[in-house]
Amino acid sequence: MHESDEGRPPVFKSWNTWYGLVLGIFVLQVIIFYLITSAFL
């Protein structure tokens, strides 16, 4: 394994893509939880 490949994420080209994906999942979860709780109140 090369030294330059050691710190790279395995799926995406950059860490910013991972951060965007995780942030998007969190936002989607908040929206889903809001819709679920507002449906039962």
PDB file of N, CA and C in Angstrom:
ATOM      1  N   MET A   1       0.841  -1.183   0.000  1.00  0.00           N
ATOM      2  CA  MET A   1       0.000   0.000   0.000  1.00  0.00           C
ATOM      3  C   MET A   1       0.885   1.245   0.000  1.00  0.00           C
ATOM      4  N   HIS A   2       0.529   2.203  -0.812  1.00  0.00           N
ATOM      5  CA  HIS A   2       1.310   3.434  -0.879  1.00  0.00           C
ATOM      6  C   HIS A   2       0.953   4.351   0.280  1.00  0.00           C
ATOM      7  N   GLU A   3       1.871   5.242   0.622  1.00  0.00           N
ATOM      8  CA  GLU A   3       1.621   6.175   1.708  1.00  0.00           C
ATOM      9  C   GLU A   3       0.487   7.134   1.383  1.00  0.00           C
ATOM     10  N   SER A   4       0.352   7.519   0.117  1.00  0.00           N
ATOM     11  CA  SER A   4      -0.690   8.481  -0.246  1.00  0.00           C
ATOM     12  C   SER A   4      -2.084   7.874  -0.172  1.00  0.00           C
ATOM     13  N   ASP A   5      -2.199   6.546  -0.275  1.00  0.00           N
ATOM     14  CA  ASP A   5      -3.502   5.893  -0.222  1.00  0.00           C
ATOM     15  C   ASP A   5      -3.957   5.617   1.208  1.00  0.00           C
ATOM     16  N   GLU A   6      -3.073   5.793   2.160  1.00  0.00           N
ATOM     17  CA  GLU A   6      -3.378   5.384   3.514  1.00  0.00           C
ATOM     18  C   GLU A   6      -4.469   6.241   4.161  1.00  0.00           C
ATOM     19  N   GLY A   7      -4.492   7.545   3.887  1.00  0.00           N
ATOM     20  CA  GLY A   7      -5.447   8.423   4.542  1.00  0.00           C
ATOM     21  C   GLY A   7      -6.687   8.702   3.725  1.00  0.00           C
ATOM     22  N   ARG A   8      -6.867   7.990   2.622  1.00  0.00           N
ATOM     23  CA  ARG A   8      -8.010   8.264   1.752  1.00  0.00           C
ATOM     24  C   ARG A   8      -9.214   7.422   2.146  1.00  0.00           C
ATOM     25  N   PRO A   9     -10.425   7.970   1.984  1.00  0.00           N
ATOM     26  CA  PRO A   9     -11.621   7.170   2.262  1.00  0.00           C
ATOM     27  C   PRO A   9     -11.797   6.075   1.212  1.00  0.00           C
ATOM     28  N   PRO A  10     -12.357   4.930   1.567  1.00  0.00           N
ATOM     29  CA  PRO A  10     -12.394   3.794   0.656  1.00  0.00           C
ATOM     30  C   PRO A  10     -13.373   3.917  -0.506  1.00  0.00           C
ATOM     31  N   VAL A  11     -14.481   4.650  -0.357  1.00  0.00           N
ATOM     32  CA  VAL A  11     -15.518   4.655  -1.384  1.00  0.00           C
ATOM     33  C   VAL A  11     -15.462   5.917  -2.233  1.00  0.00           C
ATOM     34  N   PHE A  12     -15.492   7.070  -1.574  1.00  0.00           N
ATOM     35  CA  PHE A  12     -15.530   8.336  -2.299  1.00  0.00           C
ATOM     36  C   PHE A  12     -14.129   8.895  -2.488  1.00  0.00           C
ATOM     37  N   LYS A  13     -14.013   9.876  -3.379  1.00  0.00           N
ATOM     38  CA  LYS A  13     -12.710  10.456  -3.694  1.00  0.00           C
ATOM     39  C   LYS A  13     -12.188  11.356  -2.581  1.00  0.00           C
ATOM     40  N   SER A  14     -13.090  12.024  -1.843  1.00  0.00           N
ATOM     41  CA  SER A  14     -12.637  12.958  -0.820  1.00  0.00           C
ATOM     42  C   SER A  14     -13.474  12.818   0.447  1.00  0.00           C
ATOM     43  N   TRP A  15     -12.923  13.349   1.530  1.00  0.00           N
ATOM     44  CA  TRP A  15     -13.638  13.310   2.798  1.00  0.00           C
ATOM     45  C   TRP A  15     -14.830  14.250   2.777  1.00  0.00           C
ATOM     46  N   ASN A  16     -14.767  15.326   1.973  1.00  0.00           N
ATOM     47  CA  ASN A  16     -15.895  16.248   1.918  1.00  0.00           C
ATOM     48  C   ASN A  16     -17.158  15.549   1.419  1.00  0.00           C
ATOM     49  N   THR A  17     -17.011  14.572   0.543  1.00  0.00           N
ATOM     50  CA  THR A  17     -18.170  13.821   0.068  1.00  0.00           C
ATOM     51  C   THR A  17     -18.772  13.005   1.207  1.00  0.00           C
ATOM     52  N   TRP A  18     -17.922  12.409   2.037  1.00  0.00           N
ATOM     53  CA  TRP A  18     -18.419  11.671   3.204  1.00  0.00           C
ATOM     54  C   TRP A  18     -19.153  12.606   4.160  1.00  0.00           C
ATOM     55  N   TYR A  19     -18.553  13.780   4.417  1.00  0.00           N
ATOM     56  CA  TYR A  19     -19.192  14.722   5.335  1.00  0.00           C
ATOM     57  C   TYR A  19     -20.542  15.173   4.803  1.00  0.00           C
ATOM     58  N   GLY A  20     -20.632  15.421   3.505  1.00  0.00           N
ATOM     59  CA  GLY A  20     -21.902  15.821   2.904  1.00  0.00           C
ATOM     60  C   GLY A  20     -22.939  14.716   2.996  1.00  0.00           C
ATOM     61  N   LEU A  21     -22.511  13.478   2.776  1.00  0.00           N
ATOM     62  CA  LEU A  21     -23.431  12.348   2.862  1.00  0.00           C
ATOM     63  C   LEU A  21     -23.962  12.180   4.282  1.00  0.00           C
ATOM     64  N   VAL A  22     -23.082  12.247   5.267  1.00  0.00           N
ATOM     65  CA  VAL A  22     -23.498  12.097   6.661  1.00  0.00           C
ATOM     66  C   VAL A  22     -24.420  13.238   7.068  1.00  0.00           C
ATOM     67  N   LEU A  23     -24.094  14.456   6.668  1.00  0.00           N
ATOM     68  CA  LEU A  23     -24.947  15.597   6.988  1.00  0.00           C
ATOM     69  C   LEU A  23     -26.314  15.455   6.327  1.00  0.00           C
ATOM     70  N   GLY A  24     -26.339  14.997   5.095  1.00  0.00           N
ATOM     71  CA  GLY A  24     -27.604  14.781   4.402  1.00  0.00           C
ATOM     72  C   GLY A  24     -28.461  13.724   5.086  1.00  0.00           C
ATOM     73  N   ILE A  25     -27.829  12.646   5.569  1.00  0.00           N
ATOM     74  CA  ILE A  25     -28.570  11.609   6.279  1.00  0.00           C
ATOM     75  C   ILE A  25     -29.151  12.154   7.581  1.00  0.00           C
ATOM     76  N   PHE A  26     -28.371  12.967   8.306  1.00  0.00           N
ATOM     77  CA  PHE A  26     -28.879  13.550   9.538  1.00  0.00           C
ATOM     78  C   PHE A  26     -30.073  14.459   9.272  1.00  0.00           C
ATOM     79  N   VAL A  27     -29.989  15.284   8.238  1.00  0.00           N
ATOM     80  CA  VAL A  27     -31.091  16.177   7.895  1.00  0.00           C
ATOM     81  C   VAL A  27     -32.328  15.370   7.510  1.00  0.00           C
ATOM     82  N   LEU A  28     -32.133  14.316   6.732  1.00  0.00           N
ATOM     83  CA  LEU A  28     -33.247  13.464   6.336  1.00  0.00           C
ATOM     84  C   LEU A  28     -33.892  12.796   7.552  1.00  0.00           C
ATOM     85  N   GLN A  29     -33.098  12.358   8.510  1.00  0.00           N
ATOM     86  CA  GLN A  29     -33.641  11.754   9.722  1.00  0.00           C
ATOM     87  C   GLN A  29     -34.449  12.753  10.531  1.00  0.00           C
ATOM     88  N   VAL A  30     -33.965  13.985  10.643  1.00  0.00           N
ATOM     89  CA  VAL A  30     -34.693  15.018  11.380  1.00  0.00           C
ATOM     90  C   VAL A  30     -36.047  15.275  10.721  1.00  0.00           C
ATOM     91  N   ILE A  31     -36.072  15.352   9.393  1.00  0.00           N
ATOM     92  CA  ILE A  31     -37.325  15.582   8.677  1.00  0.00           C
ATOM     93  C   ILE A  31     -38.282  14.414   8.884  1.00  0.00           C
ATOM     94  N   ILE A  32     -37.767  13.190   8.790  1.00  0.00           N
ATOM     95  CA  ILE A  32     -38.621  12.012   8.980  1.00  0.00           C
ATOM     96  C   ILE A  32     -39.169  11.967  10.402  1.00  0.00           C
ATOM     97  N   PHE A  33     -38.326  12.208  11.399  1.00  0.00           N
ATOM     98  CA  PHE A  33     -38.795  12.193  12.785  1.00  0.00           C
ATOM     99  C   PHE A  33     -39.812  13.300  13.027  1.00  0.00           C
ATOM    100  N   TYR A  34     -39.624  14.457  12.416  1.00  0.00           N
ATOM    101  CA  TYR A  34     -40.587  15.555  12.552  1.00  0.00           C
ATOM    102  C   TYR A  34     -41.942  15.162  11.961  1.00  0.00           C
ATOM    103  N   LEU A  35     -41.933  14.548  10.786  1.00  0.00           N
ATOM    104  CA  LEU A  35     -43.176  14.136  10.153  1.00  0.00           C
ATOM    105  C   LEU A  35     -43.891  13.043  10.975  1.00  0.00           C
ATOM    106  N   ILE A  36     -43.124  12.119  11.517  1.00  0.00           N
ATOM    107  CA  ILE A  36     -43.726  11.046  12.327  1.00  0.00           C
ATOM    108  C   ILE A  36     -44.352  11.618  13.593  1.00  0.00           C
ATOM    109  N   THR A  37     -43.614  12.485  14.289  1.00  0.00           N
ATOM    110  CA  THR A  37     -44.144  13.018  15.549  1.00  0.00           C
ATOM    111  C   THR A  37     -45.310  13.964  15.301  1.00  0.00           C
ATOM    112  N   SER A  38     -45.282  14.727  14.220  1.00  0.00           N
ATOM    113  CA  SER A  38     -46.407  15.633  13.952  1.00  0.00           C
ATOM    114  C   SER A  38     -47.646  14.858  13.527  1.00  0.00           C
ATOM    115  N   ALA A  39     -47.483  13.664  12.986  1.00  0.00           N
ATOM    116  CA  ALA A  39     -48.629  12.846  12.582  1.00  0.00           C
ATOM    117  C   ALA A  39     -49.352  12.278  13.803  1.00  0.00           C
ATOM    118  N   PHE A  40     -48.659  12.067  14.921  1.00  0.00           N
ATOM    119  CA  PHE A  40     -49.265  11.464  16.094  1.00  0.00           C
ATOM    120  C   PHE A  40     -49.628  12.478  17.160  1.00  0.00           C
ATOM    121  N   LEU A  41     -49.385  13.742  16.952  1.00  0.00           N
ATOM    122  CA  LEU A  41     -49.743  14.752  17.964  1.00  0.00           C
ATOM    123  C   LEU A  41     -51.057  15.411  17.639  1.00  0.00           C
TER     124      LEU A  41
END
